[in-house]
Protein backbone atom coordinates (compact mmCIF):
# COMPACT_ATOMS: atom_id res chain seq x y z
CA UNK A 1 -81.77 -183.67 32.17
CA UNK A 2 -84.62 -182.85 29.83
CA UNK A 3 -86.98 -185.74 29.24
CA UNK A 4 -87.78 -184.30 25.79
CA UNK A 5 -84.18 -184.80 24.64
CA UNK A 6 -83.98 -188.18 26.34
CA UNK A 7 -87.09 -189.60 24.74
CA UNK A 8 -86.18 -188.12 21.36
CA UNK A 9 -82.83 -189.89 21.58
CA UNK A 10 -84.47 -193.15 22.66
CA UNK A 11 -87.02 -193.00 19.82
CA UNK A 12 -84.49 -194.16 17.22
CA UNK A 13 -83.61 -197.90 17.00
CA UNK A 14 -79.98 -197.16 16.02
CA UNK A 15 -79.45 -195.04 19.11
CA UNK A 16 -81.07 -197.70 21.29
CA UNK A 17 -78.70 -200.28 19.79
CA UNK A 18 -75.72 -198.01 20.52
CA UNK A 19 -76.82 -197.88 24.17
CA UNK A 20 -77.05 -201.68 24.24
CA UNK A 21 -73.51 -201.89 22.88
CA UNK A 22 -72.26 -199.46 25.52
CA UNK A 23 -73.75 -201.40 28.42
CA UNK A 24 -70.72 -203.70 28.15
CA UNK A 25 -68.25 -200.83 28.57
CA UNK A 26 -66.72 -197.89 26.79
CA UNK A 27 -66.15 -197.94 23.03
CA UNK A 28 -64.65 -195.63 20.46
CA UNK A 29 -66.77 -194.21 17.67
CA UNK A 30 -65.02 -196.54 15.24
CA UNK A 31 -65.81 -199.58 17.37
CA UNK A 32 -69.44 -198.49 17.59
CA UNK A 33 -69.59 -197.79 13.85
CA UNK A 34 -68.24 -201.24 12.99
CA UNK A 35 -71.54 -202.67 14.20
CA UNK A 36 -73.60 -200.70 11.68
CA UNK A 37 -73.72 -200.30 7.92
CA UNK A 38 -73.62 -196.48 7.89
CA UNK A 39 -71.13 -193.69 7.48
CA UNK A 40 -68.95 -192.32 10.26
CA UNK A 41 -70.81 -189.01 9.95
CA UNK A 42 -74.12 -190.74 10.62
CA UNK A 43 -72.70 -192.52 13.68
CA UNK A 44 -71.36 -189.17 14.88
CA UNK A 45 -74.82 -187.64 14.46
CA UNK A 46 -76.39 -190.38 16.59
CA UNK A 47 -73.68 -190.07 19.25
CA UNK A 48 -74.17 -186.31 19.43
CA UNK A 49 -77.90 -186.74 20.06
CA UNK A 50 -77.15 -189.29 22.79
CA UNK A 51 -74.66 -186.86 24.36
CA UNK A 52 -77.19 -184.01 24.19
CA UNK A 53 -79.65 -186.22 26.07
CA UNK A 54 -76.92 -187.07 28.63
CA UNK A 55 -77.37 -190.77 27.89
CA UNK A 56 -73.68 -191.10 27.04
CA UNK A 57 -70.57 -189.18 27.89
CA UNK A 58 -67.24 -189.02 26.15
CA UNK A 59 -63.68 -189.32 27.35
CA UNK A 60 -60.72 -188.31 25.21
CA UNK A 61 -57.62 -190.49 25.39
CA UNK A 62 -54.73 -189.84 23.00
CA UNK A 63 -56.21 -189.73 19.48
CA UNK A 64 -59.49 -191.41 20.39
CA UNK A 65 -62.80 -190.40 21.89
CA UNK A 66 -64.47 -193.10 23.95
CA UNK A 67 -68.16 -193.21 24.72
CA UNK A 68 -69.72 -194.63 27.86
CA UNK A 69 -73.26 -195.17 29.04
CA UNK A 70 -74.39 -192.61 31.61
CA UNK A 71 -76.08 -195.02 33.97
CA UNK A 72 -77.34 -192.31 36.32
CA UNK A 73 -79.63 -190.92 33.60
CA UNK A 74 -80.87 -194.42 32.79
CA UNK A 75 -81.64 -194.94 36.48
CA UNK A 76 -83.48 -191.62 36.63
CA UNK A 77 -85.66 -192.64 33.66
CA UNK A 78 -86.38 -196.02 35.25
CA UNK A 79 -87.34 -194.34 38.53
CA UNK A 80 -89.69 -191.95 36.76
CA UNK A 81 -91.30 -194.80 34.80
CA UNK A 82 -91.78 -196.89 37.94
CA UNK A 83 -93.41 -193.89 39.66
CA UNK A 84 -95.66 -193.41 36.68
CA UNK A 85 -96.67 -197.04 36.83
CA UNK A 86 -97.39 -196.69 40.53
CA UNK A 87 -94.78 -199.02 42.02
């Protein structure tokens, strides 16, 4: 995991909101997109940046692609931040 990609992905409020949505479980791109007033292409762009940062991963099932939060990367970030803070 590259922290540069991770923090770039986390810098955008839309991508942070997508992560919040995914904390409740996997969702398709369409389900994610229904929560925003933007095009499917824009949602796809945000999802690709989250995938590049390893914050989400995708699973293909039939005609759908589902996205899930990669909790191990989130835990790694939290560990690094707590070390930085000195805890």
